[in-house]
Amino acid sequence: MEKAWKAEQEKQEERLEQKMTAMLDRTMKIAHIGTGLSYDDLCMHPKLDLPEGFKVPRFVLFNGVGNPKAHLRAYCEQMVGVRDNQMLIMRLFSRRLTREASKQFMAQDIRHWITWEDMAAAFMERFRFNMENVPNRYYLEKVKPKSTENFREYASRWRTEAAQVQPPMSEEELVSIFIHSQETNFYDRMLSTGGRPFSELVKIGEAIEDGLKIGRIISMTGKSTGSSSTGLYGRRRKTWQAYPTLLVQNPKEGRNS
């Protein structure tokens, strides 16, 4: 009788514990409705499970710069398959932070981080200024090439900055702003290309850059960009016509000279 009574007590305690756990889960879900920071919200395939023998991925480190929500999303994608293991997800998150970013983030009172969503919300709050200071369209027009960059390097840096603009730009708007951000030598010639995609504009920019260096294109700023001290800059100015990838001398004027 006593054994049966104990067994029944244990069953009742187990059922009570299950009910309490279910109630706690529902309470936590209600508390975080609308935050968009749950694992399911941040992961593209939250139900996908990995086989046994999960290995810690090689993380791309967050250095305190950039969109914090994009970083959280990337982390959840790497942790697919362990969505229900909150402790593991929270424990490994600090491995995605550089030393400086980790100091800033982990300096907070971690006792308040009961769930992954608590931790994610604290991370968002700590680095929210990154989202408030993202580049805008006006800023992009002020992004100019550095003295140490060639045109492709400059275009790549500009495109990276443009990717952070919210709301995202269409390809047409992206191209328009990129052209308007160019200096005279590139702006006038790119303007005539008419609706080319960004990737082709980069090639055109490289062709213009090379033409300026070797003297086949006359600089409209009056400054030589080539290594030669003679080139075309000491000669009579010619009329040039812009085409998609090169500039050619006006044939009629060439015969008259």
C-alpha atoms as a PDB file:
ATOM      1  CA  MET A   1       0.000   0.000   0.000  1.00  0.00           C
ATOM      2  CA  GLU A   2       2.749   2.408   0.950  1.00  0.00           C
ATOM      3  CA  LYS A   3       4.620   1.780  -2.315  1.00  0.00           C
ATOM      4  CA  ALA A   4       1.477   2.356  -4.346  1.00  0.00           C
ATOM      5  CA  TRP A   5       0.787   5.565  -2.442  1.00  0.00           C
ATOM      6  CA  LYS A   6       4.347   6.837  -3.050  1.00  0.00           C
ATOM      7  CA  ALA A   7       4.109   5.961  -6.735  1.00  0.00           C
ATOM      8  CA  GLU A   8       0.846   7.893  -7.004  1.00  0.00           C
ATOM      9  CA  GLN A   9       2.402  10.873  -5.199  1.00  0.00           C
ATOM     10  CA  GLU A  10       5.363  10.893  -7.566  1.00  0.00           C
ATOM     11  CA  LYS A  11       3.009  10.823 -10.567  1.00  0.00           C
ATOM     12  CA  GLN A  12       1.036  13.746  -9.181  1.00  0.00           C
ATOM     13  CA  GLU A  13       4.232  15.727  -8.524  1.00  0.00           C
ATOM     14  CA  GLU A  14       5.458  14.991 -12.035  1.00  0.00           C
ATOM     15  CA  ARG A  15       2.150  16.127 -13.555  1.00  0.00           C
ATOM     16  CA  LEU A  16       2.242  19.284 -11.431  1.00  0.00           C
ATOM     17  CA  GLU A  17       5.797  20.024 -12.546  1.00  0.00           C
ATOM     18  CA  GLN A  18       4.812  19.578 -16.195  1.00  0.00           C
ATOM     19  CA  LYS A  19       1.894  21.972 -15.751  1.00  0.00           C
ATOM     20  CA  MET A  20       4.119  24.539 -14.050  1.00  0.00           C
ATOM     21  CA  THR A  21       6.706  24.270 -16.855  1.00  0.00           C
ATOM     22  CA  ALA A  22       4.000  24.684 -19.502  1.00  0.00           C
ATOM     23  CA  MET A  23       2.588  27.726 -17.699  1.00  0.00           C
ATOM     24  CA  LEU A  24       6.066  29.261 -17.426  1.00  0.00           C
ATOM     25  CA  ASP A  25       6.698  28.698 -21.137  1.00  0.00           C
ATOM     26  CA  ARG A  26       3.398  30.360 -22.050  1.00  0.00           C
ATOM     27  CA  THR A  27       4.136  33.291 -19.738  1.00  0.00           C
ATOM     28  CA  MET A  28       7.588  33.784 -21.288  1.00  0.00           C
ATOM     29  CA  LYS A  29       6.150  33.638 -24.806  1.00  0.00           C
ATOM     30  CA  ILE A  30       3.456  36.204 -23.972  1.00  0.00           C
ATOM     31  CA  ALA A  31       6.084  38.508 -22.431  1.00  0.00           C
ATOM     32  CA  HIS A  32       8.121  38.466 -25.639  1.00  0.00           C
ATOM     33  CA  ILE A  33       5.307  38.703 -28.211  1.00  0.00           C
ATOM     34  CA  GLY A  34       6.121  41.326 -30.832  1.00  0.00           C
ATOM     35  CA  THR A  35       9.840  41.637 -30.054  1.00  0.00           C
ATOM     36  CA  GLY A  36      10.913  39.675 -33.121  1.00  0.00           C
ATOM     37  CA  LEU A  37      13.860  38.324 -31.123  1.00  0.00           C
ATOM     38  CA  SER A  38      12.823  34.728 -30.453  1.00  0.00           C
ATOM     39  CA  TYR A  39      14.875  31.925 -31.989  1.00  0.00           C
ATOM     40  CA  ASP A  40      12.009  31.188 -34.394  1.00  0.00           C
ATOM     41  CA  ASP A  41      11.940  34.858 -35.459  1.00  0.00           C
ATOM     42  CA  LEU A  42      15.687  35.080 -36.037  1.00  0.00           C
ATOM     43  CA  CYS A  43      16.320  31.719 -37.680  1.00  0.00           C
ATOM     44  CA  MET A  44      15.318  30.876 -41.237  1.00  0.00           C
ATOM     45  CA  HIS A  45      14.798  27.139 -40.489  1.00  0.00           C
ATOM     46  CA  PRO A  46      14.084  26.944 -36.725  1.00  0.00           C
ATOM     47  CA  LYS A  47      12.613  23.413 -36.886  1.00  0.00           C
ATOM     48  CA  LEU A  48      15.608  21.866 -38.634  1.00  0.00           C
ATOM     49  CA  ASP A  49      17.528  19.479 -36.363  1.00  0.00           C
ATOM     50  CA  LEU A  50      21.135  18.432 -36.812  1.00  0.00           C
ATOM     51  CA  PRO A  51      22.331  14.884 -36.175  1.00  0.00           C
ATOM     52  CA  GLU A  52      24.091  13.907 -32.970  1.00  0.00           C
ATOM     53  CA  GLY A  53      27.682  15.009 -32.514  1.00  0.00           C
ATOM     54  CA  PHE A  54      27.035  18.742 -32.871  1.00  0.00           C
ATOM     55  CA  LYS A  55      30.288  20.681 -33.113  1.00  0.00           C
ATOM     56  CA  VAL A  56      30.699  24.324 -32.188  1.00  0.00           C
ATOM     57  CA  PRO A  57      30.798  26.325 -35.449  1.00  0.00           C
ATOM     58  CA  ARG A  58      33.540  28.770 -36.337  1.00  0.00           C
ATOM     59  CA  PHE A  59      31.846  32.067 -35.622  1.00  0.00           C
ATOM     60  CA  VAL A  60      32.212  35.360 -37.482  1.00  0.00           C
ATOM     61  CA  LEU A  61      33.058  37.842 -34.733  1.00  0.00           C
ATOM     62  CA  PHE A  62      31.005  40.945 -33.956  1.00  0.00           C
ATOM     63  CA  ASN A  63      33.250  43.924 -33.166  1.00  0.00           C
ATOM     64  CA  GLY A  64      30.574  46.289 -31.914  1.00  0.00           C
ATOM     65  CA  VAL A  65      29.958  47.851 -35.339  1.00  0.00           C
ATOM     66  CA  GLY A  66      27.069  46.995 -37.635  1.00  0.00           C
ATOM     67  CA  ASN A  67      23.447  45.919 -37.333  1.00  0.00           C
ATOM     68  CA  PRO A  68      22.992  43.972 -34.061  1.00  0.00           C
ATOM     69  CA  LYS A  69      19.837  42.204 -35.257  1.00  0.00           C
ATOM     70  CA  ALA A  70      21.633  40.982 -38.379  1.00  0.00           C
ATOM     71  CA  HIS A  71      24.322  39.578 -36.081  1.00  0.00           C
ATOM     72  CA  LEU A  72      21.705  37.811 -33.937  1.00  0.00           C
ATOM     73  CA  ARG A  73      20.103  36.334 -37.037  1.00  0.00           C
ATOM     74  CA  ALA A  74      23.435  35.048 -38.318  1.00  0.00           C
ATOM     75  CA  TYR A  75      24.160  33.484 -34.928  1.00  0.00           C
ATOM     76  CA  CYS A  76      20.814  31.678 -34.827  1.00  0.00           C
ATOM     77  CA  GLU A  77      21.441  30.321 -38.317  1.00  0.00           C
ATOM     78  CA  GLN A  78      24.709  28.814 -37.091  1.00  0.00           C
ATOM     79  CA  MET A  79      23.014  27.328 -34.028  1.00  0.00           C
ATOM     80  CA  VAL A  80      20.248  25.586 -35.982  1.00  0.00           C
ATOM     81  CA  GLY A  81      19.479  22.188 -34.496  1.00  0.00           C
ATOM     82  CA  VAL A  82      19.881  23.217 -30.852  1.00  0.00           C
ATOM     83  CA  ARG A  83      16.999  25.712 -30.624  1.00  0.00           C
ATOM     84  CA  ASP A  84      15.588  24.079 -27.493  1.00  0.00           C
ATOM     85  CA  ASN A  85      18.871  24.133 -25.621  1.00  0.00           C
ATOM     86  CA  GLN A  86      18.654  27.676 -24.240  1.00  0.00           C
ATOM     87  CA  MET A  87      21.658  27.277 -21.969  1.00  0.00           C
ATOM     88  CA  LEU A  88      23.902  26.175 -24.842  1.00  0.00           C
ATOM     89  CA  ILE A  89      22.720  29.006 -27.109  1.00  0.00           C
ATOM     90  CA  MET A  90      23.322  31.605 -24.393  1.00  0.00           C
ATOM     91  CA  ARG A  91      26.638  30.101 -23.321  1.00  0.00           C
ATOM     92  CA  LEU A  92      28.139  30.125 -26.825  1.00  0.00           C
ATOM     93  CA  PHE A  93      26.920  33.599 -27.803  1.00  0.00           C
ATOM     94  CA  SER A  94      29.864  35.388 -26.209  1.00  0.00           C
ATOM     95  CA  ARG A  95      32.190  33.478 -28.553  1.00  0.00           C
ATOM     96  CA  ARG A  96      30.835  35.572 -31.428  1.00  0.00           C
ATOM     97  CA  LEU A  97      32.059  38.794 -29.817  1.00  0.00           C
ATOM     98  CA  THR A  98      35.484  40.373 -30.069  1.00  0.00           C
ATOM     99  CA  ARG A  99      37.231  41.193 -26.808  1.00  0.00           C
ATOM    100  CA  GLU A 100      36.115  44.830 -26.851  1.00  0.00           C
ATOM    101  CA  ALA A 101      32.512  44.062 -27.818  1.00  0.00           C
ATOM    102  CA  SER A 102      32.379  41.327 -25.184  1.00  0.00           C
ATOM    103  CA  LYS A 103      33.569  43.766 -22.509  1.00  0.00           C
ATOM    104  CA  GLN A 104      30.825  46.210 -23.434  1.00  0.00           C
ATOM    105  CA  PHE A 105      28.091  43.581 -23.532  1.00  0.00           C
ATOM    106  CA  MET A 106      29.035  41.266 -20.667  1.00  0.00           C
ATOM    107  CA  ALA A 107      29.529  44.201 -18.282  1.00  0.00           C
ATOM    108  CA  GLN A 108      25.744  44.160 -17.812  1.00  0.00           C
ATOM    109  CA  ASP A 109      23.988  42.270 -15.018  1.00  0.00           C
ATOM    110  CA  ILE A 110      23.665  38.822 -16.580  1.00  0.00           C
ATOM    111  CA  ARG A 111      21.389  37.634 -13.753  1.00  0.00           C
ATOM    112  CA  HIS A 112      18.512  39.246 -15.641  1.00  0.00           C
ATOM    113  CA  TRP A 113      19.137  36.981 -18.636  1.00  0.00           C
ATOM    114  CA  ILE A 114      16.890  34.060 -17.771  1.00  0.00           C
ATOM    115  CA  THR A 115      16.157  33.155 -21.392  1.00  0.00           C
ATOM    116  CA  TRP A 116      17.819  33.597 -24.772  1.00  0.00           C
ATOM    117  CA  GLU A 117      15.319  36.335 -25.611  1.00  0.00           C
ATOM    118  CA  ASP A 118      16.370  38.243 -22.488  1.00  0.00           C
ATOM    119  CA  MET A 119      19.966  38.063 -23.668  1.00  0.00           C
ATOM    120  CA  ALA A 120      19.082  39.009 -27.257  1.00  0.00           C
ATOM    121  CA  ALA A 121      17.000  41.981 -26.072  1.00  0.00           C
ATOM    122  CA  ALA A 122      19.903  43.206 -23.909  1.00  0.00           C
ATOM    123  CA  PHE A 123      22.251  42.857 -26.874  1.00  0.00           C
ATOM    124  CA  MET A 124      19.892  44.867 -29.090  1.00  0.00           C
ATOM    125  CA  GLU A 125      19.590  47.595 -26.473  1.00  0.00           C
ATOM    126  CA  ARG A 126      23.350  47.797 -25.910  1.00  0.00           C
ATOM    127  CA  PHE A 127      24.167  48.242 -29.614  1.00  0.00           C
ATOM    128  CA  ARG A 128      20.981  50.013 -30.728  1.00  0.00           C
ATOM    129  CA  PHE A 129      22.947  53.158 -31.581  1.00  0.00           C
ATOM    130  CA  ASN A 130      24.447  51.208 -34.512  1.00  0.00           C
ATOM    131  CA  MET A 131      21.005  51.073 -36.115  1.00  0.00           C
ATOM    132  CA  GLU A 132      20.286  54.716 -35.348  1.00  0.00           C
ATOM    133  CA  ASN A 133      23.530  55.787 -37.035  1.00  0.00           C
ATOM    134  CA  VAL A 134      23.293  53.680 -40.190  1.00  0.00           C
ATOM    135  CA  PRO A 135      24.187  55.437 -43.459  1.00  0.00           C
ATOM    136  CA  ASN A 136      21.399  57.249 -45.295  1.00  0.00           C
ATOM    137  CA  ARG A 137      21.060  58.322 -48.903  1.00  0.00           C
ATOM    138  CA  TYR A 138      22.532  61.776 -48.284  1.00  0.00           C
ATOM    139  CA  TYR A 139      25.543  60.235 -46.553  1.00  0.00           C
ATOM    140  CA  LEU A 140      26.233  57.937 -49.521  1.00  0.00           C
ATOM    141  CA  GLU A 141      26.669  60.897 -51.858  1.00  0.00           C
ATOM    142  CA  LYS A 142      29.449  62.139 -49.561  1.00  0.00           C
ATOM    143  CA  VAL A 143      31.398  58.851 -49.587  1.00  0.00           C
ATOM    144  CA  LYS A 144      34.484  59.587 -51.703  1.00  0.00           C
ATOM    145  CA  PRO A 145      37.467  57.424 -52.679  1.00  0.00           C
ATOM    146  CA  LYS A 146      40.483  57.381 -50.397  1.00  0.00           C
ATOM    147  CA  SER A 147      43.913  58.255 -51.750  1.00  0.00           C
ATOM    148  CA  THR A 148      45.035  54.657 -51.207  1.00  0.00           C
ATOM    149  CA  GLU A 149      42.088  53.052 -53.046  1.00  0.00           C
ATOM    150  CA  ASN A 150      41.653  52.124 -56.666  1.00  0.00           C
ATOM    151  CA  PHE A 151      38.175  52.454 -58.174  1.00  0.00           C
ATOM    152  CA  ARG A 152      37.112  48.846 -57.525  1.00  0.00           C
ATOM    153  CA  GLU A 153      38.114  49.066 -53.865  1.00  0.00           C
ATOM    154  CA  TYR A 154      36.242  52.344 -53.504  1.00  0.00           C
ATOM    155  CA  ALA A 155      33.129  50.919 -55.208  1.00  0.00           C
ATOM    156  CA  SER A 156      33.210  47.872 -52.943  1.00  0.00           C
ATOM    157  CA  ARG A 157      33.419  50.046 -49.813  1.00  0.00           C
ATOM    158  CA  TRP A 158      30.621  52.283 -51.127  1.00  0.00           C
ATOM    159  CA  ARG A 159      28.416  49.248 -51.845  1.00  0.00           C
ATOM    160  CA  THR A 160      28.997  47.910 -48.332  1.00  0.00           C
ATOM    161  CA  GLU A 161      27.867  51.234 -46.874  1.00  0.00           C
ATOM    162  CA  ALA A 162      24.837  51.300 -49.184  1.00  0.00           C
ATOM    163  CA  ALA A 163      23.759  47.838 -47.997  1.00  0.00           C
ATOM    164  CA  GLN A 164      23.085  49.304 -44.542  1.00  0.00           C
ATOM    165  CA  VAL A 165      20.617  51.949 -45.750  1.00  0.00           C
ATOM    166  CA  GLN A 166      17.025  51.453 -44.582  1.00  0.00           C
ATOM    167  CA  PRO A 167      14.675  50.942 -46.252  1.00  0.00           C
ATOM    168  CA  PRO A 168      16.778  49.063 -48.834  1.00  0.00           C
ATOM    169  CA  MET A 169      17.308  50.766 -52.170  1.00  0.00           C
ATOM    170  CA  SER A 170      16.345  49.402 -55.565  1.00  0.00           C
ATOM    171  CA  GLU A 171      19.089  48.743 -58.100  1.00  0.00           C
ATOM    172  CA  GLU A 172      17.966  51.813 -60.058  1.00  0.00           C
ATOM    173  CA  GLU A 173      18.208  54.093 -57.029  1.00  0.00           C
ATOM    174  CA  LEU A 174      21.526  52.545 -56.016  1.00  0.00           C
ATOM    175  CA  VAL A 175      23.032  53.276 -59.429  1.00  0.00           C
ATOM    176  CA  SER A 176      21.662  56.830 -59.493  1.00  0.00           C
ATOM    177  CA  ILE A 177      23.126  57.730 -56.093  1.00  0.00           C
ATOM    178  CA  PHE A 178      26.455  56.088 -56.932  1.00  0.00           C
ATOM    179  CA  ILE A 179      26.776  58.129 -60.118  1.00  0.00           C
ATOM    180  CA  HIS A 180      25.900  61.345 -58.296  1.00  0.00           C
ATOM    181  CA  SER A 181      28.580  60.646 -55.711  1.00  0.00           C
ATOM    182  CA  GLN A 182      31.340  60.648 -58.354  1.00  0.00           C
ATOM    183  CA  GLU A 183      33.777  63.443 -59.100  1.00  0.00           C
ATOM    184  CA  THR A 184      33.554  65.237 -62.456  1.00  0.00           C
ATOM    185  CA  ASN A 185      35.883  62.936 -64.412  1.00  0.00           C
ATOM    186  CA  PHE A 186      33.670  59.946 -63.633  1.00  0.00           C
ATOM    187  CA  TYR A 187      30.266  61.588 -63.198  1.00  0.00           C
ATOM    188  CA  ASP A 188      29.894  63.054 -66.705  1.00  0.00           C
ATOM    189  CA  ARG A 189      31.014  59.856 -68.408  1.00  0.00           C
ATOM    190  CA  MET A 190      28.951  57.490 -66.233  1.00  0.00           C
ATOM    191  CA  LEU A 191      25.851  59.652 -66.679  1.00  0.00           C
ATOM    192  CA  SER A 192      25.799  58.753 -70.364  1.00  0.00           C
ATOM    193  CA  THR A 193      25.792  54.991 -69.749  1.00  0.00           C
ATOM    194  CA  GLY A 194      22.022  54.937 -69.288  1.00  0.00           C
ATOM    195  CA  GLY A 195      20.598  52.395 -66.850  1.00  0.00           C
ATOM    196  CA  ARG A 196      23.548  50.024 -66.518  1.00  0.00           C
ATOM    197  CA  PRO A 197      23.601  47.798 -63.396  1.00  0.00           C
ATOM    198  CA  PHE A 198      26.011  48.573 -60.550  1.00  0.00           C
ATOM    199  CA  SER A 199      28.418  45.772 -61.504  1.00  0.00           C
ATOM    200  CA  GLU A 200      28.865  47.253 -64.987  1.00  0.00           C
ATOM    201  CA  LEU A 201      29.351  50.743 -63.575  1.00  0.00           C
ATOM    202  CA  VAL A 202      32.314  49.406 -61.623  1.00  0.00           C
ATOM    203  CA  LYS A 203      33.879  48.106 -64.846  1.00  0.00           C
ATOM    204  CA  ILE A 204      33.212  51.430 -66.566  1.00  0.00           C
ATOM    205  CA  GLY A 205      34.771  53.273 -63.640  1.00  0.00           C
ATOM    206  CA  GLU A 206      37.879  51.105 -63.882  1.00  0.00           C
ATOM    207  CA  ALA A 207      38.141  51.829 -67.618  1.00  0.00           C
ATOM    208  CA  ILE A 208      37.888  55.580 -66.943  1.00  0.00           C
ATOM    209  CA  GLU A 209      40.468  55.288 -64.175  1.00  0.00           C
ATOM    210  CA  ASP A 210      42.905  53.492 -66.480  1.00  0.00           C
ATOM    211  CA  GLY A 211      42.273  55.999 -69.278  1.00  0.00           C
ATOM    212  CA  LEU A 212      43.080  58.913 -66.973  1.00  0.00           C
ATOM    213  CA  LYS A 213      46.273  57.245 -65.783  1.00  0.00           C
ATOM    214  CA  ILE A 214      47.724  56.609 -69.238  1.00  0.00           C
ATOM    215  CA  GLY A 215      46.494  59.899 -70.722  1.00  0.00           C
ATOM    216  CA  ARG A 216      43.946  58.500 -73.185  1.00  0.00           C
ATOM    217  CA  ILE A 217      41.242  60.450 -71.352  1.00  0.00           C
ATOM    218  CA  ILE A 218      41.636  64.152 -70.600  1.00  0.00           C
ATOM    219  CA  SER A 219      40.979  65.069 -66.987  1.00  0.00           C
ATOM    220  CA  MET A 220      38.144  67.590 -66.670  1.00  0.00           C
ATOM    221  CA  THR A 221      39.611  68.875 -63.416  1.00  0.00           C
ATOM    222  CA  GLY A 222      42.771  70.084 -65.123  1.00  0.00           C
ATOM    223  CA  LYS A 223      44.977  67.781 -63.068  1.00  0.00           C
ATOM    224  CA  SER A 224      46.988  64.960 -64.520  1.00  0.00           C
ATOM    225  CA  THR A 225      46.448  61.540 -62.939  1.00  0.00           C
ATOM    226  CA  GLY A 226      49.035  59.716 -65.031  1.00  0.00           C
ATOM    227  CA  SER A 227      52.701  59.195 -64.324  1.00  0.00           C
ATOM    228  CA  SER A 228      53.826  60.997 -67.497  1.00  0.00           C
ATOM    229  CA  SER A 229      54.534  64.719 -67.291  1.00  0.00           C
ATOM    230  CA  THR A 230      53.710  65.204 -70.961  1.00  0.00           C
ATOM    231  CA  GLY A 231      50.835  62.975 -72.074  1.00  0.00           C
ATOM    232  CA  LEU A 232      47.913  64.876 -73.545  1.00  0.00           C
ATOM    233  CA  TYR A 233      47.824  67.712 -71.042  1.00  0.00           C
ATOM    234  CA  GLY A 234      50.346  69.933 -72.848  1.00  0.00           C
ATOM    235  CA  ARG A 235      48.615  69.485 -76.200  1.00  0.00           C
ATOM    236  CA  ARG A 236      45.610  71.244 -77.692  1.00  0.00           C
ATOM    237  CA  ARG A 237      42.396  70.052 -75.999  1.00  0.00           C
ATOM    238  CA  LYS A 238      40.413  67.621 -78.137  1.00  0.00           C
ATOM    239  CA  THR A 239      36.683  66.898 -78.141  1.00  0.00           C
ATOM    240  CA  TRP A 240      35.859  63.489 -76.674  1.00  0.00           C
ATOM    241  CA  GLN A 241      32.697  61.472 -76.830  1.00  0.00           C
ATOM    242  CA  ALA A 242      31.668  59.069 -74.023  1.00  0.00           C
ATOM    243  CA  TYR A 243      30.634  55.511 -74.777  1.00  0.00           C
ATOM    244  CA  PRO A 244      29.782  52.691 -72.322  1.00  0.00           C
ATOM    245  CA  THR A 245      33.353  51.532 -71.743  1.00  0.00           C
ATOM    246  CA  LEU A 246      35.682  53.953 -73.496  1.00  0.00           C
ATOM    247  CA  LEU A 247      36.090  57.493 -74.817  1.00  0.00           C
ATOM    248  CA  VAL A 248      37.113  58.101 -78.431  1.00  0.00           C
ATOM    249  CA  GLN A 249      38.295  61.203 -80.243  1.00  0.00           C
ATOM    250  CA  ASN A 250      35.829  62.930 -82.569  1.00  0.00           C
ATOM    251  CA  PRO A 251      36.900  61.650 -86.045  1.00  0.00           C
ATOM    252  CA  LYS A 252      36.009  64.908 -87.867  1.00  0.00           C
ATOM    253  CA  GLU A 253      38.095  67.035 -85.547  1.00  0.00           C
ATOM    254  CA  GLY A 254      40.938  64.535 -85.829  1.00  0.00           C
ATOM    255  CA  ARG A 255      41.089  65.030 -89.623  1.00  0.00           C
ATOM    256  CA  ASN A 256      41.017  68.817 -89.330  1.00  0.00           C
ATOM    257  CA  SER A 257      43.958  68.841 -86.942  1.00  0.00           C
END
